[in-house]
Amino acid sequence: MRRLLANLNEVVGRNVRVIEMVGVMMRIASFSLVSWLGPKTPFLLVWSLNTLDALALSWCSMIKRDLAYILLNVFWIGVGLVGIYRAI
């Protein structure tokens, strides 16, 4: 298990900029859906995307040891989990 995590950290570390860009684009897409669709928004999809991008961005922030972005994105994981729970 430790070896798997070390390998994953290595892969994320080598691709941190790409993963961050994908995460940011996911967040933009999820909140754009809310803006465009209003009450017809598929909120389970929005909160699932938001939580996945927060996980990816948190991981990148931890590798970069950027405390402000770790805190921000871990917060968004919590918000996303609450949103998923409420959407279900």
PDB file of N, CA and C in Angstrom:
ATOM      1  N   MET A   1       0.824  -1.197   0.000  1.00  0.00           N
ATOM      2  CA  MET A   1       0.000   0.000   0.000  1.00  0.00           C
ATOM      3  C   MET A   1       0.871   1.265   0.000  1.00  0.00           C
ATOM      4  N   ARG A   2       1.912   1.256   0.809  1.00  0.00           N
ATOM      5  CA  ARG A   2       2.803   2.420   0.857  1.00  0.00           C
ATOM      6  C   ARG A   2       3.493   2.638  -0.480  1.00  0.00           C
ATOM      7  N   ARG A   3       3.857   1.537  -1.116  1.00  0.00           N
ATOM      8  CA  ARG A   3       4.518   1.629  -2.418  1.00  0.00           C
ATOM      9  C   ARG A   3       3.576   2.201  -3.475  1.00  0.00           C
ATOM     10  N   LEU A   4       2.312   1.759  -3.432  1.00  0.00           N
ATOM     11  CA  LEU A   4       1.315   2.270  -4.365  1.00  0.00           C
ATOM     12  C   LEU A   4       1.128   3.771  -4.178  1.00  0.00           C
ATOM     13  N   LEU A   5       1.010   4.206  -2.923  1.00  0.00           N
ATOM     14  CA  LEU A   5       0.857   5.628  -2.638  1.00  0.00           C
ATOM     15  C   LEU A   5       2.080   6.414  -3.088  1.00  0.00           C
ATOM     16  N   ALA A   6       3.265   5.859  -2.863  1.00  0.00           N
ATOM     17  CA  ALA A   6       4.491   6.529  -3.305  1.00  0.00           C
ATOM     18  C   ALA A   6       4.513   6.652  -4.829  1.00  0.00           C
ATOM     19  N   ASN A   7       4.094   5.603  -5.511  1.00  0.00           N
ATOM     20  CA  ASN A   7       4.040   5.649  -6.980  1.00  0.00           C
ATOM     21  C   ASN A   7       3.021   6.681  -7.463  1.00  0.00           C
ATOM     22  N   LEU A   8       1.859   6.716  -6.826  1.00  0.00           N
ATOM     23  CA  LEU A   8       0.841   7.700  -7.197  1.00  0.00           C
ATOM     24  C   LEU A   8       1.329   9.120  -6.950  1.00  0.00           C
ATOM     25  N   ASN A   9       1.970   9.337  -5.816  1.00  0.00           N
ATOM     26  CA  ASN A   9       2.528  10.661  -5.522  1.00  0.00           C
ATOM     27  C   ASN A   9       3.560  11.069  -6.567  1.00  0.00           C
ATOM     28  N   GLU A  10       4.363  10.119  -7.008  1.00  0.00           N
ATOM     29  CA  GLU A  10       5.368  10.399  -8.028  1.00  0.00           C
ATOM     30  C   GLU A  10       4.703  10.797  -9.346  1.00  0.00           C
ATOM     31  N   VAL A  11       3.668  10.061  -9.738  1.00  0.00           N
ATOM     32  CA  VAL A  11       2.958  10.372 -10.979  1.00  0.00           C
ATOM     33  C   VAL A  11       2.292  11.737 -10.882  1.00  0.00           C
ATOM     34  N   VAL A  12       1.614  12.003  -9.767  1.00  0.00           N
ATOM     35  CA  VAL A  12       0.964  13.300  -9.578  1.00  0.00           C
ATOM     36  C   VAL A  12       2.022  14.411  -9.559  1.00  0.00           C
ATOM     37  N   GLY A  13       3.131  14.182  -8.880  1.00  0.00           N
ATOM     38  CA  GLY A  13       4.195  15.176  -8.819  1.00  0.00           C
ATOM     39  C   GLY A  13       4.762  15.526 -10.189  1.00  0.00           C
ATOM     40  N   ARG A  14       4.900  14.519 -11.048  1.00  0.00           N
ATOM     41  CA  ARG A  14       5.422  14.770 -12.401  1.00  0.00           C
ATOM     42  C   ARG A  14       4.413  15.491 -13.284  1.00  0.00           C
ATOM     43  N   ASN A  15       3.135  15.345 -12.970  1.00  0.00           N
ATOM     44  CA  ASN A  15       2.068  15.897 -13.812  1.00  0.00           C
ATOM     45  C   ASN A  15       1.216  16.934 -13.089  1.00  0.00           C
ATOM     46  N   VAL A  16       1.783  17.562 -12.077  1.00  0.00           N
ATOM     47  CA  VAL A  16       0.997  18.432 -11.206  1.00  0.00           C
ATOM     48  C   VAL A  16       0.339  19.576 -11.975  1.00  0.00           C
ATOM     49  N   ARG A  17       1.020  20.182 -12.912  1.00  0.00           N
ATOM     50  CA  ARG A  17       0.440  21.312 -13.643  1.00  0.00           C
ATOM     51  C   ARG A  17      -0.750  20.876 -14.504  1.00  0.00           C
ATOM     52  N   VAL A  18      -0.641  19.731 -15.135  1.00  0.00           N
ATOM     53  CA  VAL A  18      -1.736  19.223 -15.958  1.00  0.00           C
ATOM     54  C   VAL A  18      -2.929  18.860 -15.073  1.00  0.00           C
ATOM     55  N   ILE A  19      -2.668  18.188 -13.965  1.00  0.00           N
ATOM     56  CA  ILE A  19      -3.748  17.788 -13.055  1.00  0.00           C
ATOM     57  C   ILE A  19      -4.431  19.023 -12.477  1.00  0.00           C
ATOM     58  N   GLU A  20      -3.647  20.037 -12.121  1.00  0.00           N
ATOM     59  CA  GLU A  20      -4.239  21.276 -11.616  1.00  0.00           C
ATOM     60  C   GLU A  20      -5.122  21.937 -12.682  1.00  0.00           C
ATOM     61  N   MET A  21      -4.664  21.974 -13.922  1.00  0.00           N
ATOM     62  CA  MET A  21      -5.453  22.590 -14.984  1.00  0.00           C
ATOM     63  C   MET A  21      -6.760  21.824 -15.213  1.00  0.00           C
ATOM     64  N   VAL A  22      -6.688  20.506 -15.213  1.00  0.00           N
ATOM     65  CA  VAL A  22      -7.905  19.696 -15.372  1.00  0.00           C
ATOM     66  C   VAL A  22      -8.857  19.967 -14.206  1.00  0.00           C
ATOM     67  N   GLY A  23      -8.331  20.030 -12.987  1.00  0.00           N
ATOM     68  CA  GLY A  23      -9.163  20.304 -11.817  1.00  0.00           C
ATOM     69  C   GLY A  23      -9.840  21.667 -11.895  1.00  0.00           C
ATOM     70  N   VAL A  24      -9.097  22.668 -12.317  1.00  0.00           N
ATOM     71  CA  VAL A  24      -9.666  24.013 -12.453  1.00  0.00           C
ATOM     72  C   VAL A  24     -10.741  24.024 -13.538  1.00  0.00           C
ATOM     73  N   MET A  25     -10.484  23.358 -14.644  1.00  0.00           N
ATOM     74  CA  MET A  25     -11.479  23.305 -15.725  1.00  0.00           C
ATOM     75  C   MET A  25     -12.738  22.561 -15.269  1.00  0.00           C
ATOM     76  N   MET A  26     -12.571  21.510 -14.461  1.00  0.00           N
ATOM     77  CA  MET A  26     -13.729  20.791 -13.918  1.00  0.00           C
ATOM     78  C   MET A  26     -14.560  21.713 -13.027  1.00  0.00           C
ATOM     79  N   ARG A  27     -13.879  22.518 -12.211  1.00  0.00           N
ATOM     80  CA  ARG A  27     -14.604  23.426 -11.314  1.00  0.00           C
ATOM     81  C   ARG A  27     -15.345  24.488 -12.120  1.00  0.00           C
ATOM     82  N   ILE A  28     -14.687  25.029 -13.129  1.00  0.00           N
ATOM     83  CA  ILE A  28     -15.345  26.022 -13.979  1.00  0.00           C
ATOM     84  C   ILE A  28     -16.562  25.402 -14.662  1.00  0.00           C
ATOM     85  N   ALA A  29     -16.411  24.199 -15.178  1.00  0.00           N
ATOM     86  CA  ALA A  29     -17.521  23.528 -15.867  1.00  0.00           C
ATOM     87  C   ALA A  29     -18.686  23.268 -14.915  1.00  0.00           C
ATOM     88  N   SER A  30     -18.384  22.809 -13.706  1.00  0.00           N
ATOM     89  CA  SER A  30     -19.473  22.473 -12.787  1.00  0.00           C
ATOM     90  C   SER A  30     -20.255  23.717 -12.375  1.00  0.00           C
ATOM     91  N   PHE A  31     -19.572  24.810 -12.107  1.00  0.00           N
ATOM     92  CA  PHE A  31     -20.296  26.016 -11.712  1.00  0.00           C
ATOM     93  C   PHE A  31     -20.904  26.737 -12.903  1.00  0.00           C
ATOM     94  N   SER A  32     -20.378  26.521 -14.088  1.00  0.00           N
ATOM     95  CA  SER A  32     -21.014  27.062 -15.294  1.00  0.00           C
ATOM     96  C   SER A  32     -22.367  26.394 -15.520  1.00  0.00           C
ATOM     97  N   LEU A  33     -22.437  25.095 -15.242  1.00  0.00           N
ATOM     98  CA  LEU A  33     -23.722  24.395 -15.357  1.00  0.00           C
ATOM     99  C   LEU A  33     -24.776  25.033 -14.468  1.00  0.00           C
ATOM    100  N   VAL A  34     -24.389  25.382 -13.251  1.00  0.00           N
ATOM    101  CA  VAL A  34     -25.324  26.012 -12.323  1.00  0.00           C
ATOM    102  C   VAL A  34     -25.783  27.350 -12.888  1.00  0.00           C
ATOM    103  N   SER A  35     -24.853  28.121 -13.443  1.00  0.00           N
ATOM    104  CA  SER A  35     -25.207  29.423 -14.002  1.00  0.00           C
ATOM    105  C   SER A  35     -26.130  29.286 -15.204  1.00  0.00           C
ATOM    106  N   TRP A  36     -25.840  28.328 -16.073  1.00  0.00           N
ATOM    107  CA  TRP A  36     -26.620  28.177 -17.300  1.00  0.00           C
ATOM    108  C   TRP A  36     -27.971  27.526 -17.070  1.00  0.00           C
ATOM    109  N   LEU A  37     -28.014  26.508 -16.232  1.00  0.00           N
ATOM    110  CA  LEU A  37     -29.230  25.711 -16.105  1.00  0.00           C
ATOM    111  C   LEU A  37     -30.128  26.127 -14.942  1.00  0.00           C
ATOM    112  N   GLY A  38     -29.595  26.881 -14.002  1.00  0.00           N
ATOM    113  CA  GLY A  38     -30.399  27.333 -12.864  1.00  0.00           C
ATOM    114  C   GLY A  38     -31.008  26.157 -12.114  1.00  0.00           C
ATOM    115  N   PRO A  39     -32.324  26.221 -11.855  1.00  0.00           N
ATOM    116  CA  PRO A  39     -32.979  25.161 -11.080  1.00  0.00           C
ATOM    117  C   PRO A  39     -32.978  23.793 -11.769  1.00  0.00           C
ATOM    118  N   LYS A  40     -32.738  23.759 -13.070  1.00  0.00           N
ATOM    119  CA  LYS A  40     -32.717  22.485 -13.803  1.00  0.00           C
ATOM    120  C   LYS A  40     -31.343  21.810 -13.753  1.00  0.00           C
ATOM    121  N   THR A  41     -30.434  22.357 -12.991  1.00  0.00           N
ATOM    122  CA  THR A  41     -29.073  21.828 -12.889  1.00  0.00           C
ATOM    123  C   THR A  41     -29.080  20.424 -12.295  1.00  0.00           C
ATOM    124  N   PRO A  42     -28.302  19.490 -12.877  1.00  0.00           N
ATOM    125  CA  PRO A  42     -28.146  18.155 -12.265  1.00  0.00           C
ATOM    126  C   PRO A  42     -27.154  18.258 -11.091  1.00  0.00           C
ATOM    127  N   PHE A  43     -27.684  18.599  -9.922  1.00  0.00           N
ATOM    128  CA  PHE A  43     -26.823  18.941  -8.796  1.00  0.00           C
ATOM    129  C   PHE A  43     -25.935  17.787  -8.329  1.00  0.00           C
ATOM    130  N   LEU A  44     -26.385  16.560  -8.465  1.00  0.00           N
ATOM    131  CA  LEU A  44     -25.529  15.441  -8.092  1.00  0.00           C
ATOM    132  C   LEU A  44     -24.278  15.430  -8.969  1.00  0.00           C
ATOM    133  N   LEU A  45     -24.428  15.682 -10.257  1.00  0.00           N
ATOM    134  CA  LEU A  45     -23.291  15.770 -11.173  1.00  0.00           C
ATOM    135  C   LEU A  45     -22.379  16.929 -10.793  1.00  0.00           C
ATOM    136  N   VAL A  46     -22.958  18.085 -10.529  1.00  0.00           N
ATOM    137  CA  VAL A  46     -22.168  19.271 -10.176  1.00  0.00           C
ATOM    138  C   VAL A  46     -21.350  19.016  -8.916  1.00  0.00           C
ATOM    139  N   TRP A  47     -21.990  18.485  -7.881  1.00  0.00           N
ATOM    140  CA  TRP A  47     -21.267  18.266  -6.624  1.00  0.00           C
ATOM    141  C   TRP A  47     -20.263  17.124  -6.741  1.00  0.00           C
ATOM    142  N   SER A  48     -20.555  16.156  -7.576  1.00  0.00           N
ATOM    143  CA  SER A  48     -19.581  15.074  -7.798  1.00  0.00           C
ATOM    144  C   SER A  48     -18.340  15.606  -8.502  1.00  0.00           C
ATOM    145  N   LEU A  49     -18.535  16.407  -9.554  1.00  0.00           N
ATOM    146  CA  LEU A  49     -17.389  17.022 -10.244  1.00  0.00           C
ATOM    147  C   LEU A  49     -16.603  17.920  -9.296  1.00  0.00           C
ATOM    148  N   ASN A  50     -17.346  18.715  -8.521  1.00  0.00           N
ATOM    149  CA  ASN A  50     -16.696  19.636  -7.594  1.00  0.00           C
ATOM    150  C   ASN A  50     -15.853  18.888  -6.567  1.00  0.00           C
ATOM    151  N   THR A  51     -16.362  17.777  -6.080  1.00  0.00           N
ATOM    152  CA  THR A  51     -15.627  17.002  -5.078  1.00  0.00           C
ATOM    153  C   THR A  51     -14.418  16.316  -5.696  1.00  0.00           C
ATOM    154  N   LEU A  52     -14.566  15.787  -6.895  1.00  0.00           N
ATOM    155  CA  LEU A  52     -13.426  15.155  -7.579  1.00  0.00           C
ATOM    156  C   LEU A  52     -12.326  16.164  -7.879  1.00  0.00           C
ATOM    157  N   ASP A  53     -12.704  17.352  -8.346  1.00  0.00           N
ATOM    158  CA  ASP A  53     -11.660  18.333  -8.621  1.00  0.00           C
ATOM    159  C   ASP A  53     -11.013  18.815  -7.331  1.00  0.00           C
ATOM    160  N   ALA A  54     -11.782  18.908  -6.263  1.00  0.00           N
ATOM    161  CA  ALA A  54     -11.203  19.303  -4.980  1.00  0.00           C
ATOM    162  C   ALA A  54     -10.215  18.251  -4.475  1.00  0.00           C
ATOM    163  N   LEU A  55     -10.527  16.978  -4.691  1.00  0.00           N
ATOM    164  CA  LEU A  55      -9.584  15.915  -4.307  1.00  0.00           C
ATOM    165  C   LEU A  55      -8.281  16.035  -5.096  1.00  0.00           C
ATOM    166  N   ALA A  56      -8.409  16.221  -6.408  1.00  0.00           N
ATOM    167  CA  ALA A  56      -7.215  16.336  -7.251  1.00  0.00           C
ATOM    168  C   ALA A  56      -6.397  17.567  -6.874  1.00  0.00           C
ATOM    169  N   LEU A  57      -7.071  18.703  -6.678  1.00  0.00           N
ATOM    170  CA  LEU A  57      -6.352  19.934  -6.345  1.00  0.00           C
ATOM    171  C   LEU A  57      -5.758  19.875  -4.939  1.00  0.00           C
ATOM    172  N   SER A  58      -6.432  19.184  -4.017  1.00  0.00           N
ATOM    173  CA  SER A  58      -5.864  19.013  -2.671  1.00  0.00           C
ATOM    174  C   SER A  58      -4.592  18.191  -2.736  1.00  0.00           C
ATOM    175  N   TRP A  59      -4.616  17.125  -3.509  1.00  0.00           N
ATOM    176  CA  TRP A  59      -3.453  16.255  -3.642  1.00  0.00           C
ATOM    177  C   TRP A  59      -2.278  17.047  -4.225  1.00  0.00           C
ATOM    178  N   CYS A  60      -2.559  17.816  -5.275  1.00  0.00           N
ATOM    179  CA  CYS A  60      -1.497  18.632  -5.877  1.00  0.00           C
ATOM    180  C   CYS A  60      -0.953  19.636  -4.862  1.00  0.00           C
ATOM    181  N   SER A  61      -1.849  20.257  -4.097  1.00  0.00           N
ATOM    182  CA  SER A  61      -1.430  21.228  -3.094  1.00  0.00           C
ATOM    183  C   SER A  61      -0.574  20.587  -2.012  1.00  0.00           C
ATOM    184  N   MET A  62      -0.913  19.360  -1.640  1.00  0.00           N
ATOM    185  CA  MET A  62      -0.122  18.660  -0.621  1.00  0.00           C
ATOM    186  C   MET A  62       1.273  18.339  -1.143  1.00  0.00           C
ATOM    187  N   ILE A  63       1.360  17.937  -2.390  1.00  0.00           N
ATOM    188  CA  ILE A  63       2.668  17.659  -2.974  1.00  0.00           C
ATOM    189  C   ILE A  63       3.501  18.937  -3.047  1.00  0.00           C
ATOM    190  N   LYS A  64       2.847  20.049  -3.372  1.00  0.00           N
ATOM    191  CA  LYS A  64       3.551  21.332  -3.468  1.00  0.00           C
ATOM    192  C   LYS A  64       3.744  21.987  -2.100  1.00  0.00           C
ATOM    193  N   ARG A  65       3.109  21.420  -1.076  1.00  0.00           N
ATOM    194  CA  ARG A  65       3.163  21.947   0.296  1.00  0.00           C
ATOM    195  C   ARG A  65       2.681  23.394   0.371  1.00  0.00           C
ATOM    196  N   ASP A  66       1.555  23.632  -0.288  1.00  0.00           N
ATOM    197  CA  ASP A  66       0.942  24.959  -0.330  1.00  0.00           C
ATOM    198  C   ASP A  66      -0.244  24.960   0.628  1.00  0.00           C
ATOM    199  N   LEU A  67       0.014  25.418   1.853  1.00  0.00           N
ATOM    200  CA  LEU A  67      -0.960  25.316   2.932  1.00  0.00           C
ATOM    201  C   LEU A  67      -2.280  26.020   2.612  1.00  0.00           C
ATOM    202  N   ALA A  68      -2.221  27.198   2.000  1.00  0.00           N
ATOM    203  CA  ALA A  68      -3.453  27.934   1.704  1.00  0.00           C
ATOM    204  C   ALA A  68      -4.354  27.130   0.766  1.00  0.00           C
ATOM    205  N   TYR A  69      -3.788  26.530  -0.271  1.00  0.00           N
ATOM    206  CA  TYR A  69      -4.591  25.769  -1.217  1.00  0.00           C
ATOM    207  C   TYR A  69      -4.982  24.397  -0.671  1.00  0.00           C
ATOM    208  N   ILE A  70      -4.183  23.857   0.234  1.00  0.00           N
ATOM    209  CA  ILE A  70      -4.612  22.625   0.912  1.00  0.00           C
ATOM    210  C   ILE A  70      -5.889  22.920   1.690  1.00  0.00           C
ATOM    211  N   LEU A  71      -5.866  23.990   2.478  1.00  0.00           N
ATOM    212  CA  LEU A  71      -7.027  24.355   3.289  1.00  0.00           C
ATOM    213  C   LEU A  71      -8.240  24.646   2.413  1.00  0.00           C
ATOM    214  N   LEU A  72      -8.058  25.431   1.369  1.00  0.00           N
ATOM    215  CA  LEU A  72      -9.164  25.780   0.485  1.00  0.00           C
ATOM    216  C   LEU A  72      -9.788  24.537  -0.152  1.00  0.00           C
ATOM    217  N   ASN A  73      -8.969  23.658  -0.682  1.00  0.00           N
ATOM    218  CA  ASN A  73      -9.503  22.510  -1.403  1.00  0.00           C
ATOM    219  C   ASN A  73     -10.029  21.421  -0.480  1.00  0.00           C
ATOM    220  N   VAL A  74      -9.462  21.265   0.698  1.00  0.00           N
ATOM    221  CA  VAL A  74     -10.033  20.322   1.671  1.00  0.00           C
ATOM    222  C   VAL A  74     -11.409  20.839   2.123  1.00  0.00           C
ATOM    223  N   PHE A  75     -11.519  22.151   2.284  1.00  0.00           N
ATOM    224  CA  PHE A  75     -12.823  22.751   2.572  1.00  0.00           C
ATOM    225  C   PHE A  75     -13.821  22.395   1.475  1.00  0.00           C
ATOM    226  N   TRP A  76     -13.404  22.506   0.188  1.00  0.00           N
ATOM    227  CA  TRP A  76     -14.302  22.194  -0.928  1.00  0.00           C
ATOM    228  C   TRP A  76     -14.668  20.712  -0.974  1.00  0.00           C
ATOM    229  N   ILE A  77     -13.793  19.853  -0.493  1.00  0.00           N
ATOM    230  CA  ILE A  77     -14.159  18.428  -0.395  1.00  0.00           C
ATOM    231  C   ILE A  77     -15.339  18.290   0.561  1.00  0.00           C
ATOM    232  N   GLY A  78     -15.242  18.949   1.703  1.00  0.00           N
ATOM    233  CA  GLY A  78     -16.341  18.901   2.674  1.00  0.00           C
ATOM    234  C   GLY A  78     -17.628  19.474   2.115  1.00  0.00           C
ATOM    235  N   VAL A  79     -17.534  20.619   1.439  1.00  0.00           N
ATOM    236  CA  VAL A  79     -18.712  21.231   0.820  1.00  0.00           C
ATOM    237  C   VAL A  79     -19.301  20.283  -0.221  1.00  0.00           C
ATOM    238  N   GLY A  80     -18.428  19.664  -1.014  1.00  0.00           N
ATOM    239  CA  GLY A  80     -18.879  18.732  -2.040  1.00  0.00           C
ATOM    240  C   GLY A  80     -19.583  17.523  -1.465  1.00  0.00           C
ATOM    241  N   LEU A  81     -19.052  16.979  -0.375  1.00  0.00           N
ATOM    242  CA  LEU A  81     -19.686  15.819   0.256  1.00  0.00           C
ATOM    243  C   LEU A  81     -21.069  16.165   0.793  1.00  0.00           C
ATOM    244  N   VAL A  82     -21.188  17.354   1.379  1.00  0.00           N
ATOM    245  CA  VAL A  82     -22.513  17.806   1.848  1.00  0.00           C
ATOM    246  C   VAL A  82     -23.452  17.986   0.656  1.00  0.00           C
ATOM    247  N   GLY A  83     -22.930  18.573  -0.432  1.00  0.00           N
ATOM    248  CA  GLY A  83     -23.750  18.763  -1.638  1.00  0.00           C
ATOM    249  C   GLY A  83     -24.201  17.435  -2.233  1.00  0.00           C
ATOM    250  N   ILE A  84     -23.303  16.465  -2.262  1.00  0.00           N
ATOM    251  CA  ILE A  84     -23.677  15.127  -2.770  1.00  0.00           C
ATOM    252  C   ILE A  84     -24.760  14.516  -1.887  1.00  0.00           C
ATOM    253  N   TYR A  85     -24.569  14.600  -0.587  1.00  0.00           N
ATOM    254  CA  TYR A  85     -25.562  14.050   0.354  1.00  0.00           C
ATOM    255  C   TYR A  85     -26.932  14.698   0.130  1.00  0.00           C
ATOM    256  N   ARG A  86     -26.946  16.008  -0.008  1.00  0.00           N
ATOM    257  CA  ARG A  86     -28.223  16.723  -0.195  1.00  0.00           C
ATOM    258  C   ARG A  86     -28.836  16.432  -1.553  1.00  0.00           C
ATOM    259  N   ALA A  87     -28.003  16.227  -2.575  1.00  0.00           N
ATOM    260  CA  ALA A  87     -28.519  15.943  -3.922  1.00  0.00           C
ATOM    261  C   ALA A  87     -29.130  14.546  -4.012  1.00  0.00           C
ATOM    262  N   ILE A  88     -28.606  13.652  -3.193  1.00  0.00           N
ATOM    263  CA  ILE A  88     -29.141  12.277  -3.204  1.00  0.00           C
ATOM    264  C   ILE A  88     -30.467  12.275  -2.452  1.00  0.00           C
TER     265      ILE A  88
END
